[in-house]
Amino acid sequence: MLNQVAINVKLYRSRPEFALMTSEKDPNFQVIIDDIVLKVCKIRLNPAVIMAHAQKLQTTNARYPYTRTEVRLISIPAGSLSFNYNNLFNGLRPTRCVIAFTESASSSGSYTLNPFNFQHFNLSQITLKLNQVPVGGNIMQLNYGATSRTILPAFNSMFGVINKWMRDSGNQLSRNDIAGGKCFILF
């Protein structure tokens, strides 16, 4: 970051029901933040680098690449057997799409429900299409039944999307994790 560039940081708090879990019947908790610290690494540049930057800035603007993360909550009516959502992304196409399902009450905040318990809700198939062409090639057929689990398409696509496919490293999730509360579908 160049010298004398203003940076604005906005922090948004969630409700206490989202951050805390309890089994009390009438909870009345508050989250109080006493102190917030932003740690920044400051370096001292060589004067030759400063001069090179100054010369380059006379002909072009400074550009800072960043990774934009967008979270979109979409409600699916309970008991629905089919759901389509058109125009999921406006503007630039994302490099990666992570889809996870949780109960509506837990995502808005509940003292008794975990908002990070991503369930499969017996999802049987899912696809993400770009210009009517399925991303990843095929519709993902899934079965979370106790006797005949077919969750390998979701498990394998996760490794491909995060560049861990055919490598000697993992993502710390097992097939049983995906079936039991850590279900992520990646495209």
N, C-alpha and C. Protein backbone atom coordinates (compact mmCIF):
# COMPACT_ATOMS: atom_id res chain seq x y z
N MET A 1 0.86 -1.16 0.00
CA MET A 1 0.00 0.00 0.00
C MET A 1 0.91 1.23 0.00
N LEU A 2 0.62 2.14 -0.86
CA LEU A 2 1.42 3.36 -0.94
C LEU A 2 1.18 4.24 0.28
N ASN A 3 2.14 5.12 0.54
CA ASN A 3 2.00 6.07 1.64
C ASN A 3 0.84 7.02 1.39
N GLN A 4 0.23 7.46 2.46
CA GLN A 4 -0.83 8.47 2.46
C GLN A 4 -2.06 8.04 1.65
N VAL A 5 -2.35 6.76 1.66
CA VAL A 5 -3.57 6.24 1.04
C VAL A 5 -4.56 5.94 2.16
N ALA A 6 -5.72 6.55 2.08
CA ALA A 6 -6.73 6.35 3.12
C ALA A 6 -7.35 4.96 2.99
N ILE A 7 -7.50 4.30 4.11
CA ILE A 7 -8.12 2.98 4.15
C ILE A 7 -9.27 3.03 5.15
N ASN A 8 -10.44 2.64 4.70
CA ASN A 8 -11.60 2.58 5.59
C ASN A 8 -11.89 1.12 5.91
N VAL A 9 -12.08 0.81 7.17
CA VAL A 9 -12.41 -0.54 7.61
C VAL A 9 -13.75 -0.48 8.31
N LYS A 10 -14.70 -1.30 7.85
CA LYS A 10 -16.01 -1.37 8.49
C LYS A 10 -16.18 -2.77 9.06
N LEU A 11 -16.60 -2.84 10.29
CA LEU A 11 -16.87 -4.12 10.95
C LEU A 11 -18.35 -4.17 11.28
N TYR A 12 -18.99 -5.26 10.94
CA TYR A 12 -20.41 -5.42 11.19
C TYR A 12 -20.60 -6.56 12.19
N ARG A 13 -21.35 -6.29 13.23
CA ARG A 13 -21.60 -7.31 14.26
C ARG A 13 -22.85 -8.09 13.96
N SER A 14 -22.80 -9.35 14.32
CA SER A 14 -24.00 -10.19 14.27
C SER A 14 -24.72 -10.08 15.62
N ARG A 15 -25.95 -10.52 15.63
CA ARG A 15 -26.70 -10.52 16.89
C ARG A 15 -26.08 -11.53 17.84
N PRO A 16 -26.24 -11.35 19.16
CA PRO A 16 -25.69 -12.31 20.12
C PRO A 16 -26.20 -13.73 19.89
N GLU A 17 -27.41 -13.89 19.39
CA GLU A 17 -27.96 -15.22 19.13
C GLU A 17 -27.15 -15.97 18.09
N PHE A 18 -26.47 -15.26 17.21
CA PHE A 18 -25.66 -15.90 16.18
C PHE A 18 -24.31 -16.36 16.74
N ALA A 19 -23.79 -15.63 17.70
CA ALA A 19 -22.44 -15.91 18.21
C ALA A 19 -22.43 -16.83 19.42
N LEU A 20 -23.54 -16.94 20.14
CA LEU A 20 -23.58 -17.71 21.39
C LEU A 20 -24.57 -18.86 21.29
N MET A 21 -24.27 -19.93 22.03
CA MET A 21 -25.20 -21.06 22.13
C MET A 21 -25.43 -21.38 23.60
N THR A 22 -26.69 -21.64 23.94
CA THR A 22 -27.03 -22.00 25.31
C THR A 22 -28.32 -22.83 25.30
N SER A 23 -28.54 -23.54 26.39
CA SER A 23 -29.79 -24.30 26.52
C SER A 23 -30.73 -23.65 27.54
N GLU A 24 -30.40 -22.45 28.01
CA GLU A 24 -31.28 -21.76 28.96
C GLU A 24 -32.60 -21.41 28.29
N LYS A 25 -33.67 -21.43 29.08
CA LYS A 25 -34.99 -21.17 28.52
C LYS A 25 -35.19 -19.70 28.16
N ASP A 26 -34.68 -18.79 28.97
CA ASP A 26 -34.86 -17.36 28.71
C ASP A 26 -33.50 -16.66 28.72
N PRO A 27 -32.69 -16.85 27.70
CA PRO A 27 -31.36 -16.24 27.70
C PRO A 27 -31.44 -14.74 27.44
N ASN A 28 -30.60 -14.02 28.13
CA ASN A 28 -30.51 -12.58 27.94
C ASN A 28 -29.03 -12.21 27.98
N PHE A 29 -28.32 -12.57 26.94
CA PHE A 29 -26.88 -12.35 26.88
C PHE A 29 -26.56 -11.17 25.98
N GLN A 30 -25.41 -10.58 26.24
CA GLN A 30 -24.88 -9.52 25.40
C GLN A 30 -23.43 -9.83 25.09
N VAL A 31 -23.01 -9.47 23.90
CA VAL A 31 -21.60 -9.57 23.53
C VAL A 31 -21.03 -8.16 23.60
N ILE A 32 -20.04 -7.99 24.46
CA ILE A 32 -19.41 -6.68 24.63
C ILE A 32 -17.98 -6.78 24.14
N ILE A 33 -17.64 -5.95 23.18
CA ILE A 33 -16.28 -5.93 22.65
C ILE A 33 -15.54 -4.81 23.37
N ASP A 34 -14.56 -5.19 24.18
CA ASP A 34 -13.79 -4.21 24.94
C ASP A 34 -12.72 -3.54 24.09
N ASP A 35 -12.13 -4.29 23.18
CA ASP A 35 -11.01 -3.75 22.42
C ASP A 35 -10.92 -4.48 21.08
N ILE A 36 -10.60 -3.74 20.04
CA ILE A 36 -10.37 -4.32 18.72
C ILE A 36 -9.00 -3.88 18.25
N VAL A 37 -8.25 -4.81 17.71
CA VAL A 37 -6.90 -4.51 17.26
C VAL A 37 -6.78 -4.90 15.79
N LEU A 38 -6.25 -4.01 14.99
CA LEU A 38 -5.92 -4.30 13.60
C LEU A 38 -4.41 -4.29 13.48
N LYS A 39 -3.85 -5.45 13.16
CA LYS A 39 -2.40 -5.55 13.05
C LYS A 39 -2.00 -5.40 11.59
N VAL A 40 -1.07 -4.50 11.35
CA VAL A 40 -0.61 -4.21 10.00
C VAL A 40 0.90 -4.29 9.98
N CYS A 41 1.43 -4.89 8.96
CA CYS A 41 2.88 -4.98 8.80
C CYS A 41 3.38 -3.73 8.08
N LYS A 42 4.32 -3.04 8.68
CA LYS A 42 4.89 -1.84 8.08
C LYS A 42 6.33 -2.14 7.70
N ILE A 43 6.69 -1.77 6.48
CA ILE A 43 8.06 -2.02 6.02
C ILE A 43 8.70 -0.71 5.58
N ARG A 44 10.02 -0.72 5.58
CA ARG A 44 10.78 0.43 5.10
C ARG A 44 11.38 0.05 3.76
N LEU A 45 10.95 0.77 2.72
CA LEU A 45 11.41 0.46 1.37
C LEU A 45 12.75 1.10 1.07
N ASN A 46 13.46 0.46 0.18
CA ASN A 46 14.70 1.02 -0.36
C ASN A 46 14.33 2.28 -1.14
N PRO A 47 15.09 3.37 -1.01
CA PRO A 47 14.78 4.61 -1.74
C PRO A 47 14.68 4.41 -3.26
N ALA A 48 15.44 3.48 -3.81
CA ALA A 48 15.37 3.23 -5.25
C ALA A 48 14.00 2.68 -5.63
N VAL A 49 13.41 1.86 -4.77
CA VAL A 49 12.07 1.32 -5.04
C VAL A 49 11.04 2.44 -4.97
N ILE A 50 11.20 3.35 -4.02
CA ILE A 50 10.28 4.48 -3.89
C ILE A 50 10.33 5.34 -5.14
N MET A 51 11.52 5.58 -5.65
CA MET A 51 11.68 6.39 -6.87
C MET A 51 11.07 5.67 -8.08
N ALA A 52 11.26 4.36 -8.16
CA ALA A 52 10.68 3.60 -9.27
C ALA A 52 9.16 3.65 -9.22
N HIS A 53 8.60 3.56 -8.01
CA HIS A 53 7.15 3.66 -7.87
C HIS A 53 6.67 5.04 -8.30
N ALA A 54 7.37 6.09 -7.89
CA ALA A 54 6.98 7.46 -8.24
C ALA A 54 6.98 7.65 -9.75
N GLN A 55 7.99 7.12 -10.43
CA GLN A 55 8.05 7.25 -11.89
C GLN A 55 6.91 6.47 -12.56
N LYS A 56 6.63 5.30 -12.07
CA LYS A 56 5.56 4.48 -12.65
C LYS A 56 4.20 5.12 -12.41
N LEU A 57 4.01 5.77 -11.25
CA LEU A 57 2.73 6.41 -10.94
C LEU A 57 2.47 7.65 -11.78
N GLN A 58 3.48 8.18 -12.45
CA GLN A 58 3.26 9.32 -13.35
C GLN A 58 2.54 8.90 -14.62
N THR A 59 2.64 7.63 -14.98
CA THR A 59 2.02 7.16 -16.23
C THR A 59 0.81 6.26 -16.00
N THR A 60 0.67 5.70 -14.82
CA THR A 60 -0.45 4.79 -14.56
C THR A 60 -0.88 4.89 -13.10
N ASN A 61 -2.07 4.44 -12.82
CA ASN A 61 -2.58 4.44 -11.45
C ASN A 61 -2.12 3.20 -10.70
N ALA A 62 -2.10 3.30 -9.40
CA ALA A 62 -1.79 2.14 -8.57
C ALA A 62 -3.00 1.21 -8.57
N ARG A 63 -2.76 -0.07 -8.70
CA ARG A 63 -3.84 -1.06 -8.70
C ARG A 63 -3.55 -2.09 -7.62
N TYR A 64 -4.57 -2.38 -6.83
CA TYR A 64 -4.42 -3.33 -5.73
C TYR A 64 -5.36 -4.51 -5.96
N PRO A 65 -4.84 -5.65 -6.34
CA PRO A 65 -5.73 -6.81 -6.50
C PRO A 65 -6.21 -7.29 -5.13
N TYR A 66 -7.44 -7.73 -5.08
CA TYR A 66 -7.98 -8.27 -3.83
C TYR A 66 -8.98 -9.37 -4.18
N THR A 67 -9.21 -10.22 -3.23
CA THR A 67 -10.17 -11.30 -3.40
C THR A 67 -11.49 -10.86 -2.78
N ARG A 68 -12.51 -10.80 -3.59
CA ARG A 68 -13.82 -10.39 -3.11
C ARG A 68 -14.62 -11.63 -2.72
N THR A 69 -15.18 -11.61 -1.55
CA THR A 69 -16.02 -12.70 -1.07
C THR A 69 -17.43 -12.17 -0.87
N GLU A 70 -18.38 -12.84 -1.45
CA GLU A 70 -19.77 -12.41 -1.33
C GLU A 70 -20.59 -13.56 -0.77
N VAL A 71 -21.35 -13.28 0.27
CA VAL A 71 -22.22 -14.28 0.87
C VAL A 71 -23.65 -13.92 0.51
N ARG A 72 -24.36 -14.88 -0.03
CA ARG A 72 -25.73 -14.64 -0.43
C ARG A 72 -26.63 -15.65 0.26
N LEU A 73 -27.61 -15.16 1.00
CA LEU A 73 -28.58 -16.04 1.66
C LEU A 73 -29.82 -16.15 0.78
N ILE A 74 -30.19 -17.38 0.47
CA ILE A 74 -31.37 -17.63 -0.34
C ILE A 74 -32.26 -18.60 0.44
N SER A 75 -33.51 -18.23 0.62
CA SER A 75 -34.44 -19.08 1.36
C SER A 75 -35.13 -20.05 0.40
N ILE A 76 -35.16 -21.31 0.80
CA ILE A 76 -35.87 -22.34 0.05
C ILE A 76 -37.04 -22.77 0.93
N PRO A 77 -38.26 -22.73 0.42
CA PRO A 77 -39.42 -23.11 1.24
C PRO A 77 -39.30 -24.54 1.75
N ALA A 78 -39.71 -24.75 3.00
CA ALA A 78 -39.65 -26.08 3.60
C ALA A 78 -40.54 -27.04 2.83
N GLY A 79 -40.04 -28.25 2.63
CA GLY A 79 -40.80 -29.27 1.93
C GLY A 79 -40.68 -29.21 0.42
N SER A 80 -39.92 -28.25 -0.11
CA SER A 80 -39.75 -28.16 -1.56
C SER A 80 -38.95 -29.34 -2.08
N LEU A 81 -39.37 -29.89 -3.19
CA LEU A 81 -38.64 -30.99 -3.82
C LEU A 81 -37.76 -30.51 -4.96
N SER A 82 -38.00 -29.28 -5.43
CA SER A 82 -37.21 -28.73 -6.53
C SER A 82 -37.05 -27.24 -6.30
N PHE A 83 -35.90 -26.71 -6.68
CA PHE A 83 -35.65 -25.28 -6.50
C PHE A 83 -34.72 -24.81 -7.62
N ASN A 84 -35.09 -23.74 -8.29
CA ASN A 84 -34.25 -23.11 -9.31
C ASN A 84 -34.05 -21.66 -8.93
N TYR A 85 -32.86 -21.17 -9.14
CA TYR A 85 -32.57 -19.76 -8.88
C TYR A 85 -31.79 -19.23 -10.07
N ASN A 86 -32.38 -18.30 -10.81
CA ASN A 86 -31.74 -17.75 -12.00
C ASN A 86 -30.95 -16.50 -11.65
N ASN A 87 -29.93 -16.23 -12.43
CA ASN A 87 -29.08 -15.04 -12.27
C ASN A 87 -28.53 -14.93 -10.85
N LEU A 88 -27.86 -15.97 -10.44
CA LEU A 88 -27.27 -16.02 -9.10
C LEU A 88 -26.20 -14.95 -8.94
N PHE A 89 -25.46 -14.67 -10.01
CA PHE A 89 -24.36 -13.71 -9.94
C PHE A 89 -24.60 -12.57 -10.92
N ASN A 90 -24.44 -11.36 -10.44
CA ASN A 90 -24.50 -10.19 -11.30
C ASN A 90 -23.08 -9.66 -11.46
N GLY A 91 -22.72 -9.31 -12.66
CA GLY A 91 -21.37 -8.79 -12.89
C GLY A 91 -20.39 -9.90 -13.20
N LEU A 92 -19.24 -9.86 -12.56
CA LEU A 92 -18.17 -10.81 -12.84
C LEU A 92 -18.53 -12.21 -12.36
N ARG A 93 -18.13 -13.20 -13.15
CA ARG A 93 -18.34 -14.60 -12.77
C ARG A 93 -17.31 -14.97 -11.72
N PRO A 94 -17.73 -15.60 -10.63
CA PRO A 94 -16.77 -15.96 -9.58
C PRO A 94 -15.86 -17.10 -10.02
N THR A 95 -14.70 -17.18 -9.40
CA THR A 95 -13.78 -18.28 -9.69
C THR A 95 -14.19 -19.54 -8.95
N ARG A 96 -14.94 -19.38 -7.88
CA ARG A 96 -15.31 -20.51 -7.03
C ARG A 96 -16.68 -20.22 -6.43
N CYS A 97 -17.49 -21.26 -6.29
CA CYS A 97 -18.81 -21.11 -5.69
C CYS A 97 -18.98 -22.21 -4.65
N VAL A 98 -19.27 -21.82 -3.41
CA VAL A 98 -19.48 -22.77 -2.32
C VAL A 98 -20.95 -22.69 -1.93
N ILE A 99 -21.62 -23.83 -1.94
CA ILE A 99 -23.03 -23.89 -1.57
C ILE A 99 -23.16 -24.73 -0.31
N ALA A 100 -23.86 -24.20 0.68
CA ALA A 100 -24.08 -24.92 1.93
C ALA A 100 -25.51 -24.63 2.38
N PHE A 101 -26.10 -25.60 3.05
CA PHE A 101 -27.49 -25.49 3.51
C PHE A 101 -27.53 -25.55 5.03
N THR A 102 -28.33 -24.67 5.62
CA THR A 102 -28.55 -24.68 7.06
C THR A 102 -30.00 -24.28 7.33
N GLU A 103 -30.45 -24.52 8.52
CA GLU A 103 -31.82 -24.14 8.87
C GLU A 103 -31.95 -22.63 8.90
N SER A 104 -33.10 -22.13 8.50
CA SER A 104 -33.34 -20.70 8.44
C SER A 104 -33.20 -20.05 9.82
N ALA A 105 -33.71 -20.70 10.85
CA ALA A 105 -33.64 -20.14 12.20
C ALA A 105 -32.20 -20.00 12.67
N SER A 106 -31.33 -20.94 12.30
CA SER A 106 -29.94 -20.86 12.75
C SER A 106 -29.16 -19.80 12.00
N SER A 107 -29.47 -19.57 10.73
CA SER A 107 -28.72 -18.56 9.98
C SER A 107 -29.09 -17.15 10.40
N SER A 108 -30.30 -16.94 10.91
CA SER A 108 -30.67 -15.62 11.39
C SER A 108 -30.30 -15.40 12.84
N GLY A 109 -29.98 -16.48 13.55
CA GLY A 109 -29.55 -16.37 14.94
C GLY A 109 -30.47 -17.10 15.88
N SER A 110 -29.92 -18.07 16.58
CA SER A 110 -30.69 -18.84 17.56
C SER A 110 -29.72 -19.32 18.63
N TYR A 111 -30.11 -19.19 19.88
CA TYR A 111 -29.24 -19.65 20.97
C TYR A 111 -29.10 -21.17 21.00
N THR A 112 -30.05 -21.88 20.41
CA THR A 112 -30.03 -23.34 20.49
C THR A 112 -29.57 -24.03 19.21
N LEU A 113 -29.48 -23.32 18.09
CA LEU A 113 -29.08 -23.92 16.82
C LEU A 113 -27.73 -23.39 16.37
N ASN A 114 -26.90 -24.27 15.84
CA ASN A 114 -25.57 -23.90 15.37
C ASN A 114 -25.66 -23.41 13.92
N PRO A 115 -25.27 -22.16 13.63
CA PRO A 115 -25.36 -21.66 12.26
C PRO A 115 -24.33 -22.29 11.33
N PHE A 116 -23.36 -23.00 11.88
CA PHE A 116 -22.32 -23.63 11.07
C PHE A 116 -22.53 -25.14 10.93
N ASN A 117 -23.73 -25.60 11.22
CA ASN A 117 -24.08 -27.01 11.00
C ASN A 117 -24.71 -27.10 9.62
N PHE A 118 -23.87 -27.33 8.61
CA PHE A 118 -24.33 -27.35 7.23
C PHE A 118 -24.80 -28.76 6.88
N GLN A 119 -26.10 -28.92 6.74
CA GLN A 119 -26.72 -30.22 6.54
C GLN A 119 -26.98 -30.48 5.05
N HIS A 120 -27.19 -31.73 4.71
CA HIS A 120 -27.46 -32.08 3.32
C HIS A 120 -28.94 -32.07 2.98
N PHE A 121 -29.81 -32.19 3.99
CA PHE A 121 -31.27 -32.18 3.80
C PHE A 121 -31.71 -33.17 2.72
N ASN A 122 -31.01 -34.30 2.63
CA ASN A 122 -31.31 -35.36 1.64
C ASN A 122 -31.35 -34.84 0.21
N LEU A 123 -30.43 -33.96 -0.11
CA LEU A 123 -30.29 -33.42 -1.46
C LEU A 123 -29.98 -34.56 -2.43
N SER A 124 -30.74 -34.66 -3.51
CA SER A 124 -30.53 -35.77 -4.45
C SER A 124 -29.74 -35.37 -5.68
N GLN A 125 -29.86 -34.13 -6.13
CA GLN A 125 -29.04 -33.67 -7.25
C GLN A 125 -28.91 -32.17 -7.21
N ILE A 126 -27.80 -31.69 -7.73
CA ILE A 126 -27.54 -30.26 -7.77
C ILE A 126 -26.66 -29.97 -8.98
N THR A 127 -26.89 -28.84 -9.58
CA THR A 127 -26.04 -28.40 -10.67
C THR A 127 -25.97 -26.88 -10.67
N LEU A 128 -24.86 -26.37 -11.13
CA LEU A 128 -24.68 -24.93 -11.34
C LEU A 128 -24.42 -24.77 -12.82
N LYS A 129 -25.24 -23.94 -13.48
CA LYS A 129 -25.11 -23.78 -14.92
C LYS A 129 -24.62 -22.38 -15.25
N LEU A 130 -23.74 -22.32 -16.24
CA LEU A 130 -23.26 -21.06 -16.78
C LEU A 130 -23.62 -21.07 -18.26
N ASN A 131 -24.50 -20.17 -18.67
CA ASN A 131 -25.02 -20.13 -20.04
C ASN A 131 -25.63 -21.47 -20.44
N GLN A 132 -26.42 -22.04 -19.56
CA GLN A 132 -27.13 -23.30 -19.74
C GLN A 132 -26.22 -24.52 -19.86
N VAL A 133 -24.94 -24.39 -19.54
CA VAL A 133 -24.00 -25.51 -19.56
C VAL A 133 -23.62 -25.81 -18.12
N PRO A 134 -23.78 -27.06 -17.65
CA PRO A 134 -23.43 -27.40 -16.27
C PRO A 134 -21.94 -27.19 -15.99
N VAL A 135 -21.64 -26.47 -14.92
CA VAL A 135 -20.26 -26.26 -14.49
C VAL A 135 -19.76 -27.58 -13.91
N GLY A 136 -18.61 -28.02 -14.35
CA GLY A 136 -18.08 -29.30 -13.89
C GLY A 136 -18.48 -30.46 -14.78
N GLY A 137 -19.30 -30.19 -15.81
CA GLY A 137 -19.61 -31.21 -16.79
C GLY A 137 -20.95 -31.88 -16.65
N ASN A 138 -21.32 -32.35 -15.47
CA ASN A 138 -22.54 -33.12 -15.31
C ASN A 138 -23.34 -32.63 -14.11
N ILE A 139 -24.58 -33.06 -14.06
CA ILE A 139 -25.40 -32.83 -12.87
C ILE A 139 -24.88 -33.75 -11.77
N MET A 140 -24.70 -33.21 -10.58
CA MET A 140 -24.18 -33.99 -9.47
C MET A 140 -25.32 -34.79 -8.83
N GLN A 141 -25.26 -36.11 -8.95
CA GLN A 141 -26.26 -37.01 -8.37
C GLN A 141 -25.76 -37.45 -7.00
N LEU A 142 -26.58 -37.25 -5.96
CA LEU A 142 -26.17 -37.54 -4.59
C LEU A 142 -27.19 -38.43 -3.90
N ASN A 143 -26.72 -39.22 -2.93
CA ASN A 143 -27.60 -40.06 -2.12
C ASN A 143 -26.98 -40.14 -0.73
N TYR A 144 -27.67 -39.63 0.27
CA TYR A 144 -27.16 -39.61 1.64
C TYR A 144 -27.78 -40.70 2.49
N GLY A 145 -28.39 -41.70 1.89
CA GLY A 145 -29.02 -42.78 2.64
C GLY A 145 -28.02 -43.55 3.48
N ALA A 146 -28.50 -44.21 4.52
CA ALA A 146 -27.62 -44.93 5.45
C ALA A 146 -27.01 -46.17 4.80
N THR A 147 -27.73 -46.79 3.87
CA THR A 147 -27.22 -48.03 3.27
C THR A 147 -26.50 -47.79 1.95
N SER A 148 -26.90 -46.82 1.20
CA SER A 148 -26.27 -46.61 -0.11
C SER A 148 -25.86 -45.15 -0.27
N ARG A 149 -24.74 -44.80 0.29
CA ARG A 149 -24.26 -43.42 0.19
C ARG A 149 -23.55 -43.22 -1.14
N THR A 150 -23.95 -42.16 -1.83
CA THR A 150 -23.26 -41.75 -3.04
C THR A 150 -22.97 -40.27 -2.89
N ILE A 151 -21.92 -39.97 -2.16
CA ILE A 151 -21.56 -38.57 -1.94
C ILE A 151 -20.21 -38.25 -2.55
N LEU A 152 -19.63 -39.22 -3.25
CA LEU A 152 -18.31 -38.99 -3.85
C LEU A 152 -18.28 -37.84 -4.86
N PRO A 153 -19.33 -37.60 -5.66
CA PRO A 153 -19.26 -36.45 -6.56
C PRO A 153 -19.04 -35.13 -5.81
N ALA A 154 -19.74 -34.93 -4.70
CA ALA A 154 -19.56 -33.71 -3.91
C ALA A 154 -18.18 -33.69 -3.26
N PHE A 155 -17.75 -34.83 -2.76
CA PHE A 155 -16.44 -34.93 -2.10
C PHE A 155 -15.31 -34.67 -3.09
N ASN A 156 -15.38 -35.28 -4.26
CA ASN A 156 -14.33 -35.11 -5.26
C ASN A 156 -14.31 -33.72 -5.86
N SER A 157 -15.48 -33.11 -6.08
CA SER A 157 -15.50 -31.76 -6.64
C SER A 157 -14.89 -30.76 -5.67
N MET A 158 -15.03 -31.03 -4.38
CA MET A 158 -14.42 -30.16 -3.38
C MET A 158 -12.90 -30.13 -3.55
N PHE A 159 -12.30 -31.29 -3.75
CA PHE A 159 -10.85 -31.36 -3.93
C PHE A 159 -10.42 -30.68 -5.22
N GLY A 160 -11.20 -30.82 -6.29
CA GLY A 160 -10.84 -30.19 -7.55
C GLY A 160 -10.90 -28.68 -7.48
N VAL A 161 -11.92 -28.15 -6.83
CA VAL A 161 -12.10 -26.70 -6.77
C VAL A 161 -11.03 -26.03 -5.92
N ILE A 162 -10.59 -26.69 -4.84
CA ILE A 162 -9.58 -26.06 -3.97
C ILE A 162 -8.15 -26.49 -4.34
N ASN A 163 -7.99 -27.04 -5.54
CA ASN A 163 -6.67 -27.42 -6.08
C ASN A 163 -5.94 -28.43 -5.21
N LYS A 164 -6.67 -29.39 -4.67
CA LYS A 164 -6.04 -30.46 -3.87
C LYS A 164 -6.23 -31.82 -4.53
N TRP A 165 -6.81 -31.85 -5.72
CA TRP A 165 -7.06 -33.12 -6.40
C TRP A 165 -5.74 -33.76 -6.82
N MET A 166 -5.59 -35.04 -6.50
CA MET A 166 -4.41 -35.83 -6.85
C MET A 166 -3.13 -35.30 -6.18
N ARG A 167 -3.28 -34.69 -5.02
CA ARG A 167 -2.13 -34.21 -4.26
C ARG A 167 -2.10 -34.92 -2.92
N ASP A 168 -0.94 -34.92 -2.32
CA ASP A 168 -0.78 -35.61 -1.04
C ASP A 168 -1.11 -34.66 0.11
N SER A 169 -2.26 -34.05 0.05
CA SER A 169 -2.74 -33.18 1.13
C SER A 169 -4.26 -33.22 1.09
N GLY A 170 -4.86 -32.89 2.18
CA GLY A 170 -6.31 -32.98 2.25
C GLY A 170 -6.94 -31.69 2.69
N ASN A 171 -8.23 -31.75 2.97
CA ASN A 171 -8.95 -30.58 3.46
C ASN A 171 -9.53 -30.82 4.85
N GLN A 172 -9.07 -31.88 5.51
CA GLN A 172 -9.45 -32.24 6.88
C GLN A 172 -10.91 -32.65 7.01
N LEU A 173 -11.59 -32.94 5.91
CA LEU A 173 -12.96 -33.44 5.95
C LEU A 173 -12.99 -34.85 5.39
N SER A 174 -13.77 -35.71 6.02
CA SER A 174 -13.94 -37.07 5.52
C SER A 174 -15.32 -37.19 4.86
N ARG A 175 -15.56 -38.31 4.21
CA ARG A 175 -16.88 -38.54 3.61
C ARG A 175 -17.96 -38.57 4.68
N ASN A 176 -17.64 -39.08 5.86
CA ASN A 176 -18.62 -39.10 6.95
C ASN A 176 -18.94 -37.70 7.43
N ASP A 177 -17.95 -36.79 7.40
CA ASP A 177 -18.21 -35.40 7.79
C ASP A 177 -19.22 -34.75 6.86
N ILE A 178 -19.10 -35.01 5.57
CA ILE A 178 -20.01 -34.41 4.60
C ILE A 178 -21.44 -34.91 4.84
N ALA A 179 -21.58 -36.16 5.21
CA ALA A 179 -22.91 -36.70 5.47
C ALA A 179 -23.46 -36.28 6.83
N GLY A 180 -22.59 -35.75 7.72
CA GLY A 180 -23.04 -35.49 9.08
C GLY A 180 -22.92 -34.08 9.58
N GLY A 181 -23.10 -33.06 8.76
CA GLY A 181 -23.13 -31.70 9.29
C GLY A 181 -22.05 -30.78 8.77
N LYS A 182 -21.26 -31.23 7.82
CA LYS A 182 -20.25 -30.36 7.21
C LYS A 182 -20.36 -30.50 5.70
N CYS A 183 -21.56 -30.35 5.19
CA CYS A 183 -21.84 -30.59 3.78
C CYS A 183 -21.64 -29.31 2.97
N PHE A 184 -20.61 -29.29 2.16
CA PHE A 184 -20.32 -28.18 1.27
C PHE A 184 -20.32 -28.72 -0.16
N ILE A 185 -20.94 -28.00 -1.06
CA ILE A 185 -20.91 -28.34 -2.48
C ILE A 185 -20.12 -27.23 -3.16
N LEU A 186 -19.03 -27.59 -3.83
CA LEU A 186 -18.17 -26.59 -4.46
C LEU A 186 -18.20 -26.74 -5.97
N PHE A 187 -18.25 -25.61 -6.64
CA PHE A 187 -18.17 -25.56 -8.11
C PHE A 187 -17.06 -24.61 -8.49
